[in-house]
Protein backbone atom coordinates (compact mmCIF):
# COMPACT_ATOMS: atom_id res chain seq x y z
CA UNK A 1 12.93 -8.17 19.39
CA UNK A 2 11.59 -5.68 21.92
CA UNK A 3 14.80 -4.36 23.45
CA UNK A 4 13.45 -1.59 25.68
CA UNK A 5 10.10 -0.50 27.09
CA UNK A 6 9.90 2.85 28.91
CA UNK A 7 6.80 3.93 30.82
CA UNK A 8 6.09 7.13 32.76
CA UNK A 9 3.00 8.36 34.62
CA UNK A 10 0.79 5.42 33.68
CA UNK A 11 -1.47 4.32 36.57
CA UNK A 12 0.79 3.40 39.50
CA UNK A 13 3.95 3.36 37.37
CA UNK A 14 5.64 6.71 37.82
CA UNK A 15 8.73 5.79 35.84
CA UNK A 16 10.04 2.42 34.68
CA UNK A 17 12.41 1.13 32.03
CA UNK A 18 12.73 -2.54 31.14
CA UNK A 19 15.50 -3.84 28.90
CA UNK A 20 14.42 -7.20 27.53
CA UNK A 21 16.71 -9.77 25.97
CA UNK A 22 16.55 -12.57 23.44
CA UNK A 23 14.78 -15.78 24.34
CA UNK A 24 12.46 -16.14 27.33
CA UNK A 25 11.86 -13.10 29.55
CA UNK A 26 9.89 -13.82 32.74
CA UNK A 27 8.00 -11.17 34.72
CA UNK A 28 6.75 -11.98 38.23
CA UNK A 29 5.37 -10.10 41.21
CA UNK A 30 2.56 -10.00 43.74
CA UNK A 31 -0.98 -9.47 42.58
CA UNK A 32 -1.59 -5.74 42.11
CA UNK A 33 2.11 -4.91 41.98
CA UNK A 34 1.81 -3.41 38.48
CA UNK A 35 2.47 -6.26 36.07
CA UNK A 36 -0.82 -5.59 34.30
CA UNK A 37 0.15 -1.93 33.95
CA UNK A 38 3.31 -2.93 32.10
CA UNK A 39 1.32 -5.17 29.78
CA UNK A 40 -1.18 -2.38 29.31
CA UNK A 41 1.67 -0.06 28.38
CA UNK A 42 2.92 -2.56 25.82
CA UNK A 43 -0.54 -2.89 24.32
CA UNK A 44 -0.89 0.91 24.16
CA UNK A 45 2.38 1.24 22.29
CA UNK A 46 1.04 -1.42 19.90
CA UNK A 47 -2.05 0.66 19.14
CA UNK A 48 -4.73 -0.43 21.62
CA UNK A 49 -7.44 2.00 22.66
CA UNK A 50 -6.32 4.60 25.22
CA UNK A 51 -8.25 5.87 28.24
CA UNK A 52 -7.37 9.23 29.79
CA UNK A 53 -8.17 7.80 33.23
CA UNK A 54 -5.03 5.65 32.95
CA UNK A 55 -2.84 8.75 33.32
CA UNK A 56 -1.30 8.89 36.80
CA UNK A 57 -3.07 11.26 39.19
CA UNK A 58 -1.49 14.70 39.08
CA UNK A 59 0.32 14.13 35.77
CA UNK A 60 -0.57 15.94 32.54
CA UNK A 61 0.17 12.97 30.35
CA UNK A 62 1.43 9.41 30.23
CA UNK A 63 4.32 8.45 27.97
CA UNK A 64 5.19 5.02 26.60
CA UNK A 65 8.14 4.27 24.31
CA UNK A 66 9.30 1.00 22.80
CA UNK A 67 12.49 0.17 20.94
CA UNK A 68 12.59 -2.86 18.65
CA UNK A 69 15.80 -4.30 17.23
CA UNK A 70 15.11 -6.32 14.12
CA UNK A 71 17.44 -8.58 12.11
CA UNK A 72 18.02 -7.80 8.45
CA UNK A 73 16.01 -10.69 7.07
CA UNK A 74 12.57 -11.37 5.65
CA UNK A 75 10.82 -10.20 8.81
CA UNK A 76 12.38 -6.75 8.80
CA UNK A 77 11.97 -6.59 5.01
CA UNK A 78 8.21 -6.84 5.52
CA UNK A 79 8.46 -4.07 8.11
CA UNK A 80 10.39 -1.92 5.64
CA UNK A 81 7.65 -2.33 3.05
CA UNK A 82 5.05 -1.34 5.66
CA UNK A 83 6.95 1.82 6.61
CA UNK A 84 7.39 2.80 2.97
CA UNK A 85 3.72 2.18 2.19
CA UNK A 86 2.65 4.46 5.05
CA UNK A 87 5.17 7.18 4.28
CA UNK A 88 7.20 6.60 7.46
CA UNK A 89 11.00 6.85 7.88
CA UNK A 90 13.02 3.68 7.46
CA UNK A 91 14.69 2.09 10.48
CA UNK A 92 18.21 3.22 11.17
CA UNK A 93 20.62 0.33 11.81
CA UNK A 94 17.67 -2.03 12.24
CA UNK A 95 16.13 -0.11 15.17
CA UNK A 96 12.42 0.77 15.20
CA UNK A 97 11.27 3.47 17.62
CA UNK A 98 7.65 3.80 18.70
CA UNK A 99 6.32 6.46 21.07
CA UNK A 100 2.86 7.28 22.34
CA UNK A 101 1.60 10.09 24.57
CA UNK A 102 -1.81 9.99 26.28
CA UNK A 103 -3.16 13.26 27.65
CA UNK A 104 -5.05 13.43 30.92
CA UNK A 105 -7.59 15.67 29.17
CA UNK A 106 -8.16 13.21 26.35
CA UNK A 107 -6.47 12.65 23.01
CA UNK A 108 -2.85 11.86 22.39
CA UNK A 109 -0.07 11.58 19.84
CA UNK A 110 1.82 8.77 18.13
CA UNK A 111 5.29 8.65 16.56
CA UNK A 112 6.97 5.91 14.56
CA UNK A 113 10.67 6.51 13.95
CA UNK A 114 10.07 10.10 15.15
CA UNK A 115 7.42 10.75 12.48
CA UNK A 116 3.87 11.49 13.61
CA UNK A 117 1.23 9.01 12.53
CA UNK A 118 -2.19 7.64 13.49
CA UNK A 119 -3.25 5.07 16.06
CA UNK A 120 -4.70 2.99 13.20
CA UNK A 121 -1.29 2.82 11.52
CA UNK A 122 0.34 1.98 14.85
CA UNK A 123 -2.16 -0.82 15.41
CA UNK A 124 -1.43 -2.29 11.97
CA UNK A 125 2.29 -2.13 12.69
CA UNK A 126 1.76 -3.78 16.07
CA UNK A 127 0.28 -6.86 14.40
CA UNK A 128 3.57 -7.33 12.53
CA UNK A 129 5.70 -7.06 15.67
CA UNK A 130 4.01 -8.59 18.71
CA UNK A 131 1.40 -11.23 19.42
CA UNK A 132 -0.13 -10.85 22.89
CA UNK A 133 -2.00 -13.69 24.57
CA UNK A 134 -3.80 -13.16 27.82
CA UNK A 135 -6.79 -11.49 29.46
CA UNK A 136 -6.75 -8.38 27.24
CA UNK A 137 -5.07 -9.50 24.04
CA UNK A 138 -5.13 -9.50 20.27
CA UNK A 139 -5.88 -13.22 20.11
CA UNK A 140 -4.80 -13.84 16.56
CA UNK A 141 -5.31 -17.56 17.00
CA UNK A 142 -9.07 -16.91 16.87
CA UNK A 143 -8.80 -15.29 13.44
CA UNK A 144 -9.53 -17.60 10.53
CA UNK A 145 -7.03 -15.86 8.26
CA UNK A 146 -4.31 -16.44 10.88
CA UNK A 147 -5.30 -20.10 11.22
CA UNK A 148 -5.12 -20.57 7.46
CA UNK A 149 -1.70 -18.90 7.22
CA UNK A 150 -0.45 -21.02 10.12
CA UNK A 151 -1.65 -24.23 8.45
CA UNK A 152 -0.12 -23.23 5.12
CA UNK A 153 3.20 -22.40 6.75
CA UNK A 154 3.23 -25.66 8.70
CA UNK A 155 2.28 -27.73 5.65
CA UNK A 156 4.50 -25.69 3.29
CA UNK A 157 1.49 -25.18 1.04
CA UNK A 158 2.51 -23.49 -2.22
CA UNK A 159 -0.14 -21.06 -3.46
CA UNK A 160 1.85 -19.73 -6.44
CA UNK A 161 -0.14 -21.48 -9.21
CA UNK A 162 -3.41 -20.78 -7.47
CA UNK A 163 -2.54 -17.09 -7.07
CA UNK A 164 -1.83 -16.76 -10.80
CA UNK A 165 -5.14 -18.43 -11.67
CA UNK A 166 -7.05 -16.34 -9.13
CA UNK A 167 -5.58 -13.06 -10.35
CA UNK A 168 -6.48 -13.98 -13.94
CA UNK A 169 -10.07 -14.65 -12.85
CA UNK A 170 -10.26 -11.38 -10.91
CA UNK A 171 -8.97 -9.46 -13.94
CA UNK A 172 -11.66 -10.97 -16.17
CA UNK A 173 -14.39 -10.27 -13.62
CA UNK A 174 -13.21 -6.69 -13.28
CA UNK A 175 -13.33 -6.20 -17.04
CA UNK A 176 -16.79 -7.71 -17.14
CA UNK A 177 -17.99 -5.25 -14.49
CA UNK A 178 -16.51 -2.35 -16.42
CA UNK A 179 -18.12 -3.44 -19.68
CA UNK A 180 -21.45 -4.08 -17.96
CA UNK A 181 -21.30 -0.85 -16.01
CA UNK A 182 -22.59 1.38 -18.83
CA UNK A 183 -25.82 3.15 -17.90
CA UNK A 184 -28.19 5.27 -19.98
CA UNK A 185 -29.19 5.05 -23.62
CA UNK A 186 -26.37 3.10 -25.26
CA UNK A 187 -28.24 2.90 -28.58
CA UNK A 188 -28.78 6.64 -28.53
CA UNK A 189 -25.12 7.26 -27.75
CA UNK A 190 -24.12 5.03 -30.65
CA UNK A 191 -26.37 7.03 -32.98
CA UNK A 192 -24.88 10.33 -31.84
CA UNK A 193 -21.32 9.05 -32.16
CA UNK A 194 -22.02 7.62 -35.61
CA UNK A 195 -23.52 10.93 -36.82
CA UNK A 196 -20.51 12.91 -35.58
CA UNK A 197 -18.00 10.56 -37.21
CA UNK A 198 -19.90 10.58 -40.51
CA UNK A 199 -20.25 14.37 -40.46
CA UNK A 200 -16.53 14.92 -39.90
CA UNK A 201 -15.59 12.26 -42.47
CA UNK A 202 -17.91 13.87 -45.06
CA UNK A 203 -16.10 17.17 -44.64
CA UNK A 204 -12.79 15.52 -45.62
CA UNK A 205 -10.83 18.06 -43.64
CA UNK A 206 -7.14 18.62 -44.43
CA UNK A 207 -4.34 20.83 -43.13
CA UNK A 208 -5.03 23.22 -46.06
CA UNK A 209 -8.40 24.04 -44.52
CA UNK A 210 -6.51 25.46 -41.56
CA UNK A 211 -3.72 27.31 -43.36
CA UNK A 212 -4.58 28.13 -47.04
CA UNK A 213 -8.37 28.27 -47.21
CA UNK A 214 -8.82 31.59 -45.36
CA UNK A 215 -6.22 33.31 -47.59
CA UNK A 216 -7.70 31.91 -50.81
CA UNK A 217 -11.17 33.01 -49.77
CA UNK A 218 -9.99 36.56 -48.96
CA UNK A 219 -8.23 36.84 -52.35
CA UNK A 220 -11.26 35.63 -54.28
CA UNK A 221 -13.60 37.94 -52.38
CA UNK A 222 -11.50 41.04 -53.32
CA UNK A 223 -10.39 39.93 -56.78
CA UNK A 224 -11.72 43.07 -58.58
CA UNK A 225 -9.88 45.43 -56.27
CA UNK A 226 -6.69 43.42 -56.60
CA UNK A 227 -6.94 43.49 -60.43
CA UNK A 228 -7.45 47.26 -60.52
CA UNK A 229 -4.42 47.87 -58.34
CA UNK A 230 -2.29 45.39 -60.29
CA UNK A 231 -3.17 47.02 -63.64
CA UNK A 232 -2.20 50.41 -62.29
CA UNK A 233 1.12 49.10 -61.03
CA UNK A 234 1.83 47.39 -64.37
CA UNK A 235 1.00 50.51 -66.31
CA UNK A 236 3.27 52.61 -64.13
CA UNK A 237 6.15 50.22 -64.54
CA UNK A 238 5.67 49.58 -68.27
CA UNK A 239 4.92 53.18 -69.37
CA UNK A 240 1.37 52.56 -70.68
CA UNK A 241 0.23 55.82 -69.08
CA UNK A 242 3.06 57.96 -70.61
CA UNK A 243 6.43 58.40 -69.03
CA UNK A 244 7.23 55.06 -67.45
CA UNK A 245 9.53 54.24 -64.60
CA UNK A 246 11.56 52.13 -67.06
CA UNK A 247 12.14 55.13 -69.35
CA UNK A 248 13.23 57.27 -66.42
CA UNK A 249 15.68 54.61 -65.32
CA UNK A 250 17.08 54.30 -68.85
CA UNK A 251 17.71 58.06 -69.12
CA UNK A 252 19.33 58.10 -65.69
CA UNK A 253 21.62 55.25 -66.73
CA UNK A 254 22.82 57.13 -69.82
CA UNK A 255 23.53 60.27 -67.92
CA UNK A 256 25.41 58.39 -65.18
CA UNK A 257 27.54 56.84 -67.93
CA UNK A 258 28.47 60.27 -69.17
CA UNK A 259 29.17 61.44 -65.61
CA UNK A 260 31.45 58.48 -64.97
CA UNK A 261 33.95 59.86 -67.54
CA UNK A 262 34.71 62.72 -65.21
CA UNK A 263 33.44 61.60 -61.78
CA UNK A 264 34.60 58.14 -60.64
CA UNK A 265 31.77 57.47 -58.02
CA UNK A 266 29.26 57.58 -60.86
CA UNK A 267 30.57 54.19 -62.03
CA UNK A 268 29.21 52.48 -58.92
CA UNK A 269 26.00 54.45 -59.04
CA UNK A 270 25.35 53.33 -62.61
CA UNK A 271 25.91 49.63 -61.67
CA UNK A 272 23.53 49.97 -58.73
CA UNK A 273 20.95 51.60 -61.05
CA UNK A 274 21.19 48.70 -63.47
CA UNK A 275 20.41 46.28 -60.63
CA UNK A 276 17.40 48.39 -59.64
CA UNK A 277 16.23 48.38 -63.26
CA UNK A 278 16.37 44.57 -63.36
CA UNK A 279 14.46 44.31 -60.07
CA UNK A 280 11.72 46.65 -61.36
CA UNK A 281 11.36 44.53 -64.49
CA UNK A 282 11.20 41.34 -62.38
CA UNK A 283 8.60 42.90 -60.08
CA UNK A 284 6.46 43.86 -63.09
CA UNK A 285 6.51 40.26 -64.34
CA UNK A 286 5.73 38.88 -60.85
CA UNK A 287 2.70 41.16 -60.40
CA UNK A 288 1.41 40.30 -63.84
CA UNK A 289 1.86 36.55 -63.29
CA UNK A 290 0.14 36.57 -59.86
CA UNK A 291 -2.82 38.61 -61.04
CA UNK A 292 -3.26 36.41 -64.10
CA UNK A 293 -3.96 33.45 -61.80
CA UNK A 294 -6.67 35.25 -59.81
CA UNK A 295 -10.09 33.74 -60.35
CA UNK A 296 -12.81 36.36 -60.20
CA UNK A 297 -15.46 33.81 -61.20
CA UNK A 298 -18.51 34.18 -58.86
CA UNK A 299 -19.02 30.41 -58.82
CA UNK A 300 -15.45 29.81 -57.63
CA UNK A 301 -15.90 32.44 -54.96
CA UNK A 302 -19.13 30.77 -53.81
CA UNK A 303 -17.37 27.41 -53.56
CA UNK A 304 -14.66 28.88 -51.36
CA UNK A 305 -17.25 30.68 -49.26
CA UNK A 306 -19.20 27.45 -48.73
CA UNK A 307 -16.04 25.57 -47.77
CA UNK A 308 -14.97 28.22 -45.28
CA UNK A 309 -18.47 28.27 -43.76
CA UNK A 310 -18.39 24.46 -43.36
CA UNK A 311 -14.98 24.49 -41.66
CA UNK A 312 -15.99 27.29 -39.29
CA UNK A 313 -19.23 25.48 -38.38
CA UNK A 314 -17.34 22.26 -37.54
CA UNK A 315 -14.89 24.26 -35.41
CA UNK A 316 -17.73 25.82 -33.44
CA UNK A 317 -19.38 22.43 -32.98
CA UNK A 318 -16.43 20.17 -32.18
CA UNK A 319 -13.06 21.86 -31.58
CA UNK A 320 -11.22 25.13 -32.34
CA UNK A 321 -8.74 23.65 -34.85
CA UNK A 322 -8.84 21.16 -37.71
CA UNK A 323 -6.25 18.94 -35.98
CA UNK A 324 -8.35 18.77 -32.81
CA UNK A 325 -11.50 17.99 -34.81
CA UNK A 326 -9.76 15.05 -36.50
CA UNK A 327 -8.42 13.78 -33.13
CA UNK A 328 -11.92 14.02 -31.64
CA UNK A 329 -13.27 12.11 -34.60
CA UNK A 330 -10.85 9.25 -33.89
CA UNK A 331 -11.90 9.18 -30.20
CA UNK A 332 -15.58 9.05 -31.12
CA UNK A 333 -14.92 6.30 -33.68
CA UNK A 334 -13.07 4.23 -31.04
CA UNK A 335 -15.88 4.72 -28.53
CA UNK A 336 -18.45 3.75 -31.16
CA UNK A 337 -16.53 0.58 -32.01
CA UNK A 338 -16.30 -0.26 -28.29
CA UNK A 339 -20.06 0.15 -27.75
CA UNK A 340 -21.04 -1.69 -30.94
CA UNK A 341 -18.77 -4.64 -30.06
CA UNK A 342 -19.68 -4.75 -26.38
CA UNK A 343 -22.30 -7.49 -26.50
CA UNK A 344 -19.99 -9.80 -28.41
CA UNK A 345 -17.11 -9.03 -26.04
CA UNK A 346 -19.29 -9.67 -22.98
CA UNK A 347 -20.46 -13.00 -24.39
CA UNK A 348 -16.89 -14.10 -25.07
CA UNK A 349 -15.76 -12.83 -21.68
CA UNK A 350 -18.50 -14.81 -19.91
CA UNK A 351 -17.14 -18.01 -21.48
CA UNK A 352 -13.60 -17.04 -20.44
CA UNK A 353 -14.75 -16.46 -16.86
CA UNK A 354 -16.41 -19.87 -16.68
CA UNK A 355 -13.17 -21.48 -17.86
CA UNK A 356 -11.09 -19.40 -15.42
CA UNK A 357 -13.37 -20.37 -12.51
CA UNK A 358 -12.94 -24.04 -13.39
CA UNK A 359 -9.17 -23.60 -13.34
CA UNK A 360 -9.30 -21.86 -9.95
CA UNK A 361 -11.48 -24.59 -8.45
CA UNK A 362 -9.31 -27.34 -9.91
CA UNK A 363 -6.11 -25.90 -8.46
CA UNK A 364 -8.00 -25.03 -5.26
CA UNK A 365 -9.00 -28.69 -4.87
CA UNK A 366 -5.35 -29.77 -4.89
CA UNK A 367 -4.61 -27.16 -2.23
CA UNK A 368 -7.52 -28.44 -0.13
CA UNK A 369 -6.12 -31.96 -0.32
CA UNK A 370 -2.67 -30.75 0.73
CA UNK A 371 -4.15 -28.69 3.58
CA UNK A 372 -6.17 -31.60 4.93
CA UNK A 373 -3.09 -33.78 4.92
CA UNK A 374 -1.12 -31.11 6.77
CA UNK A 375 -4.06 -30.50 9.15
CA UNK A 376 -4.04 -34.13 10.27
CA UNK A 377 -0.38 -33.88 11.27
CA UNK A 378 -0.80 -30.45 12.83
CA UNK A 379 -3.78 -31.54 14.92
CA UNK A 380 -1.93 -34.62 16.20
CA UNK A 381 1.16 -32.56 17.15
CA UNK A 382 -0.90 -29.88 18.92
CA UNK A 383 -2.97 -32.49 20.76
CA UNK A 384 0.23 -34.06 22.06
CA UNK A 385 1.44 -30.67 23.30
CA UNK A 386 -1.92 -29.99 24.97
CA UNK A 387 -1.66 -33.24 26.91
CA UNK A 388 1.67 -32.04 28.28
CA UNK A 389 0.09 -28.71 29.24
CA UNK A 390 -2.47 -30.24 31.57
CA UNK A 391 -5.24 -31.02 29.08
CA UNK A 392 -4.71 -34.74 29.53
CA UNK A 393 -7.81 -35.83 27.63
CA UNK A 394 -8.15 -32.83 25.33
CA UNK A 395 -8.52 -33.03 21.59
CA UNK A 396 -7.67 -30.64 18.82
CA UNK A 397 -8.64 -30.75 15.18
CA UNK A 398 -8.99 -28.59 12.09
CA UNK A 399 -12.41 -28.46 10.48
CA UNK A 400 -12.78 -27.70 6.78
CA UNK A 401 -15.72 -26.15 5.03
CA UNK A 402 -16.25 -25.35 1.37
CA UNK A 403 -16.72 -21.76 0.32
CA UNK A 404 -16.55 -19.61 -2.76
CA UNK A 405 -12.96 -19.18 -3.92
CA UNK A 406 -11.02 -16.13 -2.82
CA UNK A 407 -7.38 -15.11 -2.85
CA UNK A 408 -6.50 -17.80 -0.27
CA UNK A 409 -8.27 -20.77 -1.79
CA UNK A 410 -11.61 -22.53 -1.49
CA UNK A 411 -11.44 -23.55 2.17
CA UNK A 412 -13.09 -22.27 5.32
CA UNK A 413 -10.69 -23.16 8.16
CA UNK A 414 -11.68 -23.53 11.81
CA UNK A 415 -9.41 -24.64 14.65
CA UNK A 416 -11.48 -26.63 17.13
CA UNK A 417 -10.76 -27.71 20.70
CA UNK A 418 -12.34 -30.20 23.08
CA UNK A 419 -10.86 -29.61 26.56
CA UNK A 420 -12.70 -32.43 28.32
CA UNK A 421 -13.64 -36.04 27.49
CA UNK A 422 -17.23 -36.49 26.33
CA UNK A 423 -17.48 -32.92 25.07
CA UNK A 424 -17.64 -32.21 21.37
CA UNK A 425 -14.96 -30.05 19.87
CA UNK A 426 -15.87 -26.37 19.64
CA UNK A 427 -14.41 -23.52 17.68
CA UNK A 428 -11.69 -21.68 19.60
CA UNK A 429 -13.89 -18.58 19.22
CA UNK A 430 -16.46 -20.21 21.49
CA UNK A 431 -14.07 -21.04 24.34
CA UNK A 432 -14.90 -18.84 27.32
CA UNK A 433 -11.63 -19.19 29.21
CA UNK A 434 -8.85 -16.95 27.93
CA UNK A 435 -6.47 -19.10 29.95
CA UNK A 436 -7.48 -22.10 27.87
CA UNK A 437 -7.04 -20.17 24.64
CA UNK A 438 -3.62 -18.97 25.80
CA UNK A 439 -2.45 -22.48 26.54
CA UNK A 440 -3.80 -23.70 23.21
CA UNK A 441 -1.83 -20.89 21.60
CA UNK A 442 1.27 -22.00 23.50
CA UNK A 443 0.78 -25.53 22.16
CA UNK A 444 0.30 -24.18 18.65
CA UNK A 445 3.36 -21.94 18.94
CA UNK A 446 5.44 -24.82 20.23
CA UNK A 447 4.58 -26.87 17.16
CA UNK A 448 4.82 -24.07 14.61
CA UNK A 449 7.48 -21.84 16.16
CA UNK A 450 9.92 -22.30 13.32
CA UNK A 451 7.33 -21.12 10.76
CA UNK A 452 5.78 -18.08 12.48
CA UNK A 453 7.14 -14.70 11.34
CA UNK A 454 5.96 -12.52 14.25
CA UNK A 455 9.15 -11.79 16.23
CA UNK A 456 7.73 -11.14 19.73
CA UNK A 457 5.25 -13.27 21.68
CA UNK A 458 3.73 -12.17 24.97
CA UNK A 459 1.93 -14.64 27.27
CA UNK A 460 0.04 -13.12 30.18
CA UNK A 461 -0.58 -15.68 32.94
CA UNK A 462 -1.19 -18.62 30.61
CA UNK A 463 -0.40 -20.94 33.53
CA UNK A 464 -3.30 -19.72 35.67
CA UNK A 465 -5.12 -22.43 37.67
CA UNK A 466 -2.45 -25.05 37.05
CA UNK A 467 0.56 -26.17 39.03
CA UNK A 468 3.14 -28.85 39.62
CA UNK A 469 4.10 -30.91 36.64
CA UNK A 470 1.87 -28.94 34.26
CA UNK A 471 3.54 -25.71 35.30
CA UNK A 472 6.92 -27.22 34.53
CA UNK A 473 5.62 -28.32 31.11
CA UNK A 474 4.43 -24.77 30.42
CA UNK A 475 7.88 -23.43 31.29
CA UNK A 476 9.59 -25.96 29.03
CA UNK A 477 7.36 -25.07 26.11
CA UNK A 478 7.83 -21.36 26.65
CA UNK A 479 11.56 -21.96 26.55
CA UNK A 480 11.20 -24.06 23.39
CA UNK A 481 9.20 -21.36 21.62
CA UNK A 482 11.82 -18.83 22.73
CA UNK A 483 14.37 -20.60 20.55
CA UNK A 484 12.60 -19.05 17.53
CA UNK A 485 11.01 -15.90 19.01
CA UNK A 486 11.52 -13.47 21.79
CA UNK A 487 9.02 -14.48 24.50
CA UNK A 488 7.78 -12.30 27.36
CA UNK A 489 5.73 -14.18 29.93
CA UNK A 490 3.96 -12.99 33.08
CA UNK A 491 3.51 -15.81 35.54
CA UNK A 492 2.58 -16.54 39.16
CA UNK A 493 3.96 -20.07 38.92
CA UNK A 494 7.49 -20.78 40.10
CA UNK A 495 7.70 -23.97 38.03
CA UNK A 496 7.30 -21.84 34.87
CA UNK A 497 9.35 -18.85 36.01
CA UNK A 498 12.54 -20.85 36.53
CA UNK A 499 12.85 -21.40 32.76
CA UNK A 500 13.34 -17.71 32.05
CA UNK A 501 16.62 -16.54 30.55
CA UNK A 502 15.94 -13.14 32.08
CA UNK A 503 13.80 -12.65 35.16
CA UNK A 504 12.15 -9.36 36.15
CA UNK A 505 10.23 -8.69 39.36
CA UNK A 506 7.58 -6.01 39.78
CA UNK A 507 7.09 -4.60 43.26
CA UNK A 508 4.79 -1.96 44.72
CA UNK A 509 5.80 0.55 47.39
CA UNK A 510 4.09 3.43 49.18
CA UNK A 511 6.18 6.55 49.89
CA UNK A 512 4.98 10.02 50.73
CA UNK A 513 1.41 8.82 50.58
CA UNK A 514 1.75 7.78 46.90
CA UNK A 515 1.79 4.25 45.51
CA UNK A 516 4.58 3.48 43.09
CA UNK A 517 5.40 0.42 41.05
CA UNK A 518 8.95 -0.50 40.06
CA UNK A 519 10.54 -3.31 38.07
CA UNK A 520 14.06 -4.71 38.34
CA UNK A 521 16.01 -7.55 36.81
CA UNK A 522 16.88 -10.42 39.15
CA UNK A 523 20.11 -12.40 39.28
CA UNK A 524 21.76 -14.78 41.71
CA UNK A 525 20.28 -14.89 45.22
CA UNK A 526 17.73 -12.19 44.36
CA UNK A 527 16.21 -14.59 41.88
CA UNK A 528 16.32 -17.46 44.34
CA UNK A 529 14.46 -15.28 46.84
CA UNK A 530 11.77 -14.42 44.25
CA UNK A 531 11.25 -18.07 43.27
CA UNK A 532 11.09 -18.96 46.98
CA UNK A 533 8.51 -16.23 47.54
CA UNK A 534 6.42 -17.67 44.71
CA UNK A 535 6.67 -21.13 46.29
CA UNK A 536 6.12 -20.30 49.93
CA UNK A 537 4.61 -16.89 50.17
CA UNK A 538 5.91 -14.45 52.78
CA UNK A 539 7.54 -17.16 54.90
CA UNK A 540 10.90 -17.77 53.20
CA UNK A 541 12.26 -20.79 55.05
CA UNK A 542 15.50 -22.52 54.22
CA UNK A 543 13.49 -25.47 52.90
CA UNK A 544 11.61 -23.20 50.47
CA UNK A 545 14.85 -21.52 49.42
CA UNK A 546 16.44 -24.92 48.78
CA UNK A 547 13.41 -25.95 46.73
CA UNK A 548 13.80 -22.77 44.67
CA UNK A 549 17.47 -23.56 43.99
CA UNK A 550 16.57 -27.10 42.95
CA UNK A 551 13.91 -25.85 40.53
CA UNK A 552 16.35 -23.39 38.97
CA UNK A 553 19.01 -26.09 38.67
CA UNK A 554 16.56 -28.52 37.09
CA UNK A 555 15.39 -25.91 34.58
CA UNK A 556 18.99 -25.11 33.67
CA UNK A 557 19.73 -28.78 33.17
CA UNK A 558 16.66 -29.32 30.97
CA UNK A 559 17.59 -26.22 28.96
CA UNK A 560 21.03 -27.58 28.22
CA UNK A 561 22.85 -25.46 30.77
CA UNK A 562 21.84 -22.22 29.03
CA UNK A 563 20.68 -19.48 31.32
């Protein structure tokens, strides 16, 4: 609920704070006292368009703040999702804070839970919190989507199966658009992809082309030089060129053996020399074996050269490494398969879409039947309420029209109203009188109050141009709706005002040459005086005061003694 509204420097309101309560909150006051300013402030804090001229003369800016206290149930859960979606702080202890500043020079700022945001976000949030009905309102009742939701809630229409079928259809249509969205020369692209795949496949690339091929090619290209060096090394180690390293090592070993008889360290030196001798012999064999496997055949060298040239060309053309070339080949092959199979996939998908559309329409038809059944009951209940609200001969009905399926079904919904006998019912959108629309909304809310999720309802002078028994009926229905919502109602009619659980009076004063508007909560005799003023104007006689007391007593009795 809206627990507090604070306004400063807005039009004739210099400073005002209103603490609203649960149930029905009534606001009264003389014409021009500032009631409309308070409603304007509420609409501003809900995201309506701001005008710099509304800032009080002499002030730099107007400030409006609202505090909402929300129960931890499905309503506040929806609010939590909204805040998270828009990157706004969560409510602390179920309290939502909204502030708006309007500059006298134009522009302004908006905060939700102390985080800056946009007016557009504030407006979207406002639709979740408050429904305003009156001369300058967001008349949601005129919106077809709202009417459809209201009917579905009232009739407990289950859209679960339809939603599944609709989402399946949308998914198939989306895929069809993606598959059909290719532009350009598809045949040419297929040819290019096919050539690339075949070229890479023909090369039969392996990991060896990345790691071993360059080394093998270098060895083959310098085979003669390698052989010359290897022969020289072998000769030096084996003694083919006179005086070999092996002979020198053998002589050294003998002499160390002789030395060891007289010099003990020579024993270790001789052992170390023997190990060196074995390593030299092993090295000689290794060199000989490696060189023997070198292929100095020009044809073999040409084959390696051709292979290396092929690999390098593919790297320049496709990717810098063999692994990346092979991965690119797989991507091109997948793309080629997708393009070549597209026509067949589109044909099959078209058949699937036809079947999915039939399913959607079939389930949609059952929903239409259920909605029409619910609409008959809803129209009868609202018509009955309208009769009690002064439209004694009025009629209300719900008109259905067929339309292409969407996420909500296959029905075009239109709430229609005939205020006078002999007149055909017209769409609520065509009704000129906002007072009539407001009272229709009150009738609708009375019937559907238990189903509507919006926590706060505001009715601005919905009892205009009525009186007597009809005014009492309006008050009773406001009180009934307030059992399920917080209701704030501005009224000039005493018969309605007496049903309020909290009563606020707005008054205008002139001090120091400046007009100021103030609001205060009324209790006891102060409330009796206000009701008497509404009944008898400036002349508050004892008879008028007694009438006011009787109206308050009657309202309390009809409300079950709750005040």
